[in-house]
């Protein structure tokens, strides 16, 4: 594994600065997408555990609206 990393590092160092920047941007983009996918999968798992995976978007939005209203009401009383 180390030799693979060393080889990649040497190849990257041999690139023009513009190519290196493009490569780093691409790696950042791929890592961001990977993170979003992992987050999405965890959220789906949680919803499945709570029995809410099949819940309609309107029901989710209605629940969020109720939470916002409760929080606002609690904050107003303070």
Protein backbone atom coordinates (compact mmCIF):
# COMPACT_ATOMS: atom_id res chain seq x y z
CA UNK A 1 0.00 0.00 0.00
CA UNK A 2 2.78 2.42 0.87
CA UNK A 3 4.46 1.92 -2.48
CA UNK A 4 1.18 2.70 -4.24
CA UNK A 5 0.84 5.92 -2.27
CA UNK A 6 4.43 6.86 -2.97
CA UNK A 7 3.93 6.20 -6.68
CA UNK A 8 0.77 8.31 -6.73
CA UNK A 9 2.54 11.12 -4.86
CA UNK A 10 5.38 11.11 -7.37
CA UNK A 11 2.95 11.19 -10.28
CA UNK A 12 1.01 14.05 -8.71
CA UNK A 13 4.20 16.00 -8.01
CA UNK A 14 5.12 15.64 -11.67
CA UNK A 15 1.88 17.31 -12.80
CA UNK A 16 1.68 20.97 -13.72
CA UNK A 17 0.40 23.19 -10.88
CA UNK A 18 -2.91 23.68 -12.71
CA UNK A 19 -3.35 19.93 -13.06
CA UNK A 20 -2.51 19.44 -9.39
CA UNK A 21 -5.12 22.00 -8.42
CA UNK A 22 -7.72 20.36 -10.66
CA UNK A 23 -6.88 16.99 -9.13
CA UNK A 24 -7.21 18.31 -5.58
CA UNK A 25 -10.54 19.92 -6.46
CA UNK A 26 -11.77 16.63 -7.90
CA UNK A 27 -10.65 14.70 -4.80
CA UNK A 28 -12.43 17.24 -2.59
CA UNK A 29 -15.60 16.91 -4.65
CA UNK A 30 -15.49 13.11 -4.50
CA UNK A 31 -14.92 13.15 -0.72
CA UNK A 32 -17.83 15.57 -0.29
CA UNK A 33 -20.14 13.33 -2.32
CA UNK A 34 -18.99 10.29 -0.36
CA UNK A 35 -19.71 12.09 2.91
CA UNK A 36 -23.19 13.08 1.74
CA UNK A 37 -23.93 9.51 0.70
CA UNK A 38 -22.78 8.17 4.07
CA UNK A 39 -24.90 10.75 5.88
CA UNK A 40 -27.89 9.88 3.73
CA UNK A 41 -27.43 6.17 4.47
CA UNK A 42 -27.23 6.79 8.23
CA UNK A 43 -30.34 8.97 8.10
CA UNK A 44 -32.22 6.29 6.16
CA UNK A 45 -31.16 3.67 8.72
CA UNK A 46 -32.41 5.88 11.55
CA UNK A 47 -35.72 6.48 9.80
CA UNK A 48 -36.07 2.73 9.22
CA UNK A 49 -35.42 2.03 12.91
CA UNK A 50 -38.05 4.60 13.85
CA UNK A 51 -40.50 3.13 11.34
CA UNK A 52 -40.61 6.39 9.40
CA UNK A 53 -38.76 5.43 6.22
CA UNK A 54 -41.97 5.23 4.19
CA UNK A 55 -43.33 8.49 5.57
CA UNK A 56 -44.56 10.95 2.96
CA UNK A 57 -42.76 14.26 2.49
CA UNK A 58 -45.91 16.17 3.50
CA UNK A 59 -45.99 14.30 6.82
CA UNK A 60 -42.33 15.07 7.47
CA UNK A 61 -42.86 18.77 6.69
CA UNK A 62 -45.94 18.88 8.92
CA UNK A 63 -43.93 17.35 11.77
CA UNK A 64 -41.13 19.86 11.27
CA UNK A 65 -43.67 22.70 11.29
CA UNK A 66 -45.06 21.46 14.60
CA UNK A 67 -41.54 21.29 16.07
CA UNK A 68 -40.78 24.84 14.91
CA UNK A 69 -44.03 26.13 16.39
CA UNK A 70 -43.37 24.38 19.71
CA UNK A 71 -39.83 25.75 19.87
CA UNK A 72 -41.05 29.26 19.02
CA UNK A 73 -43.77 29.02 21.68
CA UNK A 74 -41.27 27.80 24.28
CA UNK A 75 -38.84 30.59 23.38
CA UNK A 76 -41.60 33.21 23.57
CA UNK A 77 -42.47 32.15 27.12
CA UNK A 78 -38.90 32.69 28.25
